[in-house]
């Protein structure tokens, strides 16, 4: 039995799979969600407490049967952090071999499987890598929504509220946005500069762009944001693969909902859009069941 986890800051998507001993058929035993976490922001004790209270009761009937656990998580960026998560999981599943790695590797494995390619994340934040079919060999630092994260939900939201407050959009769109979200200048400033989680707040208002994507001003803003993602990130991978650049693959809600604008931005920068999936779990299930 295997347990696979796709962990973000908002939620963790868990999938428990088993294989029929007679015919080798792989089946989903259980799929569920628990609250998300960012491991780099938590101590080892906090991670153990969270997983102990939120995961352990759900998988208690299966804990002794799990042979392998694969945890891909936001913030799993160093051996120390990965070790904290691994030890917490080993305490819950004593017979399991536990592997902990980044959400970017999850994206690469889900999108590319065991083939080389470029894998990207476009969600609340953004990230990208060149993947050789086994591991990530090159990564342009995303730098977060203040210095980077081009094309992400947080940056799209930042561009939107900035253009609203500076009257760079038509008046009817500005009024519509402020009314729809119950915001004004001071509430926006409070959420961005005085409260924690400014990136989540900014990403939370970005759906307004998709709802009004038929307006030229909105569409142009979104396409340009995606162009900046390609210019500032993907251009660094040119030349890594013989025979020219492969198609650029994406996972994440922003890539999913803005696929047409993403394709337009890619073409304008000379790239081809490859696979686009909303969540990595289906691809991870395929990856981890190819070799049991």
Protein backbone atom coordinates (compact mmCIF):
# COMPACT_ATOMS: atom_id res chain seq x y z
CA UNK A 1 0.00 0.00 0.00
CA UNK A 2 1.24 3.48 -0.91
CA UNK A 3 0.29 6.93 0.36
CA UNK A 4 0.82 9.98 -1.88
CA UNK A 5 0.48 13.55 -0.65
CA UNK A 6 0.35 16.80 -2.62
CA UNK A 7 0.76 19.47 0.03
CA UNK A 8 0.11 23.17 -0.42
CA UNK A 9 -0.29 25.98 2.07
CA UNK A 10 -4.09 25.76 1.85
CA UNK A 11 -4.74 22.01 1.71
CA UNK A 12 -3.10 18.60 1.44
CA UNK A 13 -4.50 16.17 -1.11
CA UNK A 14 -3.88 12.57 0.07
CA UNK A 15 -4.39 9.40 -1.93
CA UNK A 16 -4.00 5.88 -0.54
CA UNK A 17 -3.53 3.23 -3.22
CA UNK A 18 -3.30 -0.54 -3.09
CA UNK A 19 -2.63 -3.34 -5.56
CA UNK A 20 -4.65 -6.49 -6.05
CA UNK A 21 -2.28 -9.38 -5.39
CA UNK A 22 -3.95 -11.67 -7.91
CA UNK A 23 -4.02 -9.53 -11.05
CA UNK A 24 -1.85 -6.55 -10.12
CA UNK A 25 -4.64 -3.99 -10.60
CA UNK A 26 -3.96 -0.74 -8.75
CA UNK A 27 -6.94 0.70 -6.90
CA UNK A 28 -7.59 3.87 -4.92
CA UNK A 29 -8.35 2.78 -1.38
CA UNK A 30 -9.11 6.24 -0.07
CA UNK A 31 -8.68 9.86 -1.11
CA UNK A 32 -9.11 12.75 1.30
CA UNK A 33 -7.96 16.25 2.22
CA UNK A 34 -6.52 17.81 5.36
CA UNK A 35 -5.57 21.45 6.08
CA UNK A 36 -2.43 22.58 4.28
CA UNK A 37 0.92 23.53 5.74
CA UNK A 38 4.17 25.11 4.66
CA UNK A 39 6.86 23.01 6.30
CA UNK A 40 9.56 25.69 6.18
CA UNK A 41 7.37 27.93 8.35
CA UNK A 42 6.88 25.32 11.10
CA UNK A 43 9.10 23.69 13.71
CA UNK A 44 9.59 19.93 13.82
CA UNK A 45 7.25 19.72 16.83
CA UNK A 46 4.59 21.76 15.07
CA UNK A 47 4.73 19.54 11.98
CA UNK A 48 4.48 16.41 14.13
CA UNK A 49 1.53 17.86 16.06
CA UNK A 50 -0.32 18.89 12.90
CA UNK A 51 0.12 15.59 11.10
CA UNK A 52 -0.53 13.64 14.26
CA UNK A 53 -3.88 15.32 14.86
CA UNK A 54 -5.03 15.72 11.24
CA UNK A 55 -3.63 12.71 9.37
CA UNK A 56 -3.18 9.94 11.93
CA UNK A 57 -6.87 9.47 12.81
CA UNK A 58 -7.84 9.19 9.14
CA UNK A 59 -5.30 6.53 8.18
CA UNK A 60 -5.27 4.65 11.49
CA UNK A 61 -6.89 1.53 9.93
CA UNK A 62 -4.16 1.42 7.25
CA UNK A 63 -1.10 2.74 9.13
CA UNK A 64 0.56 -0.67 9.60
CA UNK A 65 -0.10 -1.64 5.95
CA UNK A 66 1.55 1.31 4.23
CA UNK A 67 4.88 0.33 2.66
CA UNK A 68 5.75 3.61 0.93
CA UNK A 69 4.75 7.23 1.50
CA UNK A 70 5.56 10.06 -0.93
CA UNK A 71 5.06 13.57 0.42
CA UNK A 72 5.49 16.52 -1.95
CA UNK A 73 5.19 19.79 -0.11
CA UNK A 74 5.37 23.55 -0.21
CA UNK A 75 8.42 24.66 1.77
CA UNK A 76 10.20 21.27 1.57
CA UNK A 77 13.32 22.96 0.31
CA UNK A 78 16.13 21.66 2.53
CA UNK A 79 17.27 18.35 4.05
CA UNK A 80 16.41 19.67 7.52
CA UNK A 81 12.82 20.55 6.62
CA UNK A 82 12.29 17.34 4.66
CA UNK A 83 13.67 15.39 7.62
CA UNK A 84 11.18 17.05 9.97
CA UNK A 85 8.29 15.99 7.76
CA UNK A 86 9.67 12.49 7.23
CA UNK A 87 10.06 11.82 10.95
CA UNK A 88 6.52 13.00 11.63
CA UNK A 89 5.17 10.64 8.96
CA UNK A 90 7.33 7.72 10.14
CA UNK A 91 5.85 8.08 13.62
CA UNK A 92 2.37 7.59 12.11
CA UNK A 93 3.32 4.85 9.58
CA UNK A 94 6.04 2.78 11.29
CA UNK A 95 6.49 0.29 8.42
CA UNK A 96 6.66 2.83 5.60
CA UNK A 97 9.64 4.02 3.63
CA UNK A 98 9.02 7.78 3.51
CA UNK A 99 10.21 10.15 0.78
CA UNK A 100 9.74 13.91 1.13
CA UNK A 101 10.43 16.38 -1.66
CA UNK A 102 9.32 19.67 -3.14
CA UNK A 103 6.01 20.48 -4.79
CA UNK A 104 8.06 21.37 -7.87
CA UNK A 105 9.24 17.75 -8.22
CA UNK A 106 5.59 16.73 -7.89
CA UNK A 107 4.76 19.01 -10.80
CA UNK A 108 7.63 17.59 -12.88
CA UNK A 109 6.70 13.97 -12.23
CA UNK A 110 2.99 14.64 -12.82
CA UNK A 111 3.58 16.52 -16.08
CA UNK A 112 6.57 14.72 -17.57
CA UNK A 113 6.57 11.31 -15.96
CA UNK A 114 9.95 9.76 -16.70
CA UNK A 115 10.65 11.92 -19.75
CA UNK A 116 12.75 15.08 -19.80
CA UNK A 117 10.94 18.39 -20.04
CA UNK A 118 10.11 21.77 -18.56
CA UNK A 119 7.56 21.80 -15.74
CA UNK A 120 5.97 24.89 -14.25
CA UNK A 121 3.60 25.78 -11.43
CA UNK A 122 1.09 28.61 -11.78
CA UNK A 123 -1.08 28.89 -8.70
CA UNK A 124 -0.96 31.32 -5.81
CA UNK A 125 2.76 31.45 -6.56
CA UNK A 126 4.77 30.38 -9.60
CA UNK A 127 7.83 28.24 -10.20
CA UNK A 128 9.57 26.37 -13.01
CA UNK A 129 12.30 23.82 -13.64
CA UNK A 130 14.11 21.70 -16.19
CA UNK A 131 13.59 18.02 -15.35
CA UNK A 132 15.76 15.30 -16.90
CA UNK A 133 13.25 12.49 -16.36
CA UNK A 134 14.57 11.64 -12.89
CA UNK A 135 15.45 14.85 -11.11
CA UNK A 136 15.34 18.61 -11.35
CA UNK A 137 18.59 19.81 -12.89
CA UNK A 138 17.87 23.53 -13.25
CA UNK A 139 15.56 25.94 -11.44
CA UNK A 140 15.14 29.69 -11.75
CA UNK A 141 14.40 30.98 -8.26
CA UNK A 142 10.75 32.13 -8.09
CA UNK A 143 11.61 34.81 -5.47
CA UNK A 144 8.06 35.23 -4.15
CA UNK A 145 5.36 37.67 -5.17
CA UNK A 146 7.34 40.80 -4.27
CA UNK A 147 10.44 40.08 -6.38
CA UNK A 148 9.14 37.40 -8.74
CA UNK A 149 6.30 34.84 -9.00
CA UNK A 150 5.46 36.23 -12.43
CA UNK A 151 2.07 35.10 -13.72
CA UNK A 152 0.93 33.78 -10.35
CA UNK A 153 -2.42 34.45 -8.70
CA UNK A 154 -0.73 36.72 -6.18
CA UNK A 155 0.98 38.80 -8.87
CA UNK A 156 -2.15 38.96 -11.01
CA UNK A 157 -4.01 40.22 -7.95
CA UNK A 158 -1.24 42.72 -7.23
CA UNK A 159 -1.43 44.09 -10.77
CA UNK A 160 -5.22 44.28 -10.54
CA UNK A 161 -5.46 46.20 -7.25
CA UNK A 162 -2.61 48.48 -8.28
CA UNK A 163 -4.33 49.36 -11.53
CA UNK A 164 -7.65 49.90 -9.76
CA UNK A 165 -6.17 52.20 -7.12
CA UNK A 166 -4.17 54.15 -9.70
CA UNK A 167 -7.21 54.44 -12.03
CA UNK A 168 -5.46 52.57 -14.84
CA UNK A 169 -8.64 50.65 -15.69
CA UNK A 170 -11.96 52.03 -16.96
CA UNK A 171 -14.11 53.50 -14.20
CA UNK A 172 -16.83 50.87 -14.53
CA UNK A 173 -14.32 48.06 -13.94
CA UNK A 174 -12.81 49.82 -10.93
CA UNK A 175 -16.24 50.36 -9.34
CA UNK A 176 -17.32 46.80 -10.15
CA UNK A 177 -14.21 45.34 -8.53
CA UNK A 178 -14.41 47.38 -5.33
CA UNK A 179 -18.13 46.70 -4.94
CA UNK A 180 -17.83 42.98 -5.66
CA UNK A 181 -15.17 42.42 -3.01
CA UNK A 182 -16.36 45.06 -0.53
CA UNK A 183 -13.05 46.88 -0.70
CA UNK A 184 -11.77 50.42 -0.67
CA UNK A 185 -8.28 51.92 -0.68
CA UNK A 186 -7.72 51.59 3.09
CA UNK A 187 -9.01 48.01 3.26
CA UNK A 188 -6.67 47.00 0.45
CA UNK A 189 -3.70 48.69 2.14
CA UNK A 190 -4.57 47.00 5.44
CA UNK A 191 -4.73 43.56 3.83
CA UNK A 192 -1.49 44.04 1.88
CA UNK A 193 0.70 45.90 4.39
CA UNK A 194 -0.70 45.27 7.86
CA UNK A 195 -2.11 41.76 7.89
CA UNK A 196 -0.27 38.46 7.36
CA UNK A 197 -0.83 36.49 4.17
CA UNK A 198 -0.81 39.37 1.69
CA UNK A 199 -0.05 36.92 -1.13
CA UNK A 200 -3.18 34.90 -0.32
CA UNK A 201 -5.29 38.06 -0.18
CA UNK A 202 -4.01 39.22 -3.56
CA UNK A 203 -4.57 35.78 -5.10
CA UNK A 204 -8.11 35.71 -3.66
CA UNK A 205 -9.17 38.72 -5.76
CA UNK A 206 -7.56 37.50 -8.99
CA UNK A 207 -10.68 35.54 -10.12
CA UNK A 208 -12.12 38.95 -11.05
CA UNK A 209 -9.74 38.90 -14.01
CA UNK A 210 -11.08 35.61 -15.32
CA UNK A 211 -14.67 36.79 -14.84
CA UNK A 212 -13.93 39.85 -16.99
CA UNK A 213 -11.38 38.38 -19.38
CA UNK A 214 -13.48 39.47 -22.38
CA UNK A 215 -12.53 43.08 -21.64
CA UNK A 216 -9.45 44.06 -23.65
CA UNK A 217 -7.83 45.89 -20.71
CA UNK A 218 -8.08 42.79 -18.53
CA UNK A 219 -6.97 40.34 -21.20
CA UNK A 220 -3.94 42.46 -22.09
CA UNK A 221 -2.93 42.66 -18.41
CA UNK A 222 -3.14 38.88 -17.99
CA UNK A 223 -1.30 38.05 -21.21
CA UNK A 224 1.51 40.46 -20.35
CA UNK A 225 1.85 38.93 -16.89
CA UNK A 226 2.28 35.51 -18.49
CA UNK A 227 4.74 36.95 -21.02
CA UNK A 228 6.86 38.12 -18.11
CA UNK A 229 6.79 34.58 -16.71
CA UNK A 230 8.24 33.21 -19.95
CA UNK A 231 10.74 36.06 -20.38
CA UNK A 232 12.06 36.03 -16.80
CA UNK A 233 11.97 32.28 -16.18
CA UNK A 234 11.63 29.98 -19.19
CA UNK A 235 14.23 31.77 -21.31
CA UNK A 236 16.88 30.53 -18.85
CA UNK A 237 16.30 26.92 -19.95
CA UNK A 238 16.97 27.48 -23.64
CA UNK A 239 19.69 25.21 -24.89
CA UNK A 240 19.35 22.65 -22.10
CA UNK A 241 17.90 20.05 -24.45
CA UNK A 242 19.40 19.10 -27.78
CA UNK A 243 17.08 19.55 -30.72
CA UNK A 244 15.39 22.71 -29.50
CA UNK A 245 13.09 23.71 -26.69
CA UNK A 246 10.47 21.19 -25.59
CA UNK A 247 6.86 22.23 -24.98
CA UNK A 248 6.31 24.08 -21.69
CA UNK A 249 4.07 22.17 -19.26
CA UNK A 250 2.00 23.65 -16.43
CA UNK A 251 0.16 22.59 -13.32
CA UNK A 252 -2.01 24.84 -11.15
CA UNK A 253 -5.33 26.64 -11.02
CA UNK A 254 -4.09 29.79 -12.77
CA UNK A 255 -2.69 27.80 -15.70
CA UNK A 256 -5.93 25.79 -15.87
CA UNK A 257 -8.35 28.73 -15.90
CA UNK A 258 -6.27 31.01 -18.13
CA UNK A 259 -5.08 28.38 -20.59
CA UNK A 260 -5.99 30.42 -23.71
CA UNK A 261 -4.17 33.53 -22.50
CA UNK A 262 -1.21 31.40 -21.39
CA UNK A 263 -0.99 29.83 -24.84
CA UNK A 264 -1.11 33.29 -26.44
CA UNK A 265 1.71 34.54 -24.23
CA UNK A 266 3.78 31.41 -24.93
CA UNK A 267 3.39 31.80 -28.70
CA UNK A 268 4.32 35.47 -28.55
CA UNK A 269 7.58 34.49 -26.85
CA UNK A 270 8.29 31.67 -29.30
CA UNK A 271 7.30 28.75 -27.06
CA UNK A 272 4.80 25.93 -27.43
CA UNK A 273 2.33 25.22 -24.63
CA UNK A 274 2.35 21.56 -23.60
CA UNK A 275 0.27 19.77 -20.98
CA UNK A 276 -1.84 21.88 -18.61
CA UNK A 277 -3.42 20.24 -15.56
CA UNK A 278 -5.18 21.75 -12.57
CA UNK A 279 -3.81 19.37 -9.93
CA UNK A 280 -0.76 17.08 -9.95
CA UNK A 281 -2.40 14.13 -8.17
CA UNK A 282 -3.62 12.26 -11.26
CA UNK A 283 -0.17 12.47 -12.82
CA UNK A 284 1.47 11.40 -9.56
CA UNK A 285 -0.79 8.36 -9.35
CA UNK A 286 0.29 7.35 -12.83
CA UNK A 287 3.96 7.96 -12.02
CA UNK A 288 3.94 5.94 -8.80
CA UNK A 289 1.93 3.02 -10.20
CA UNK A 290 4.08 2.45 -13.29
CA UNK A 291 6.63 0.71 -11.08
CA UNK A 292 5.18 -0.78 -7.91
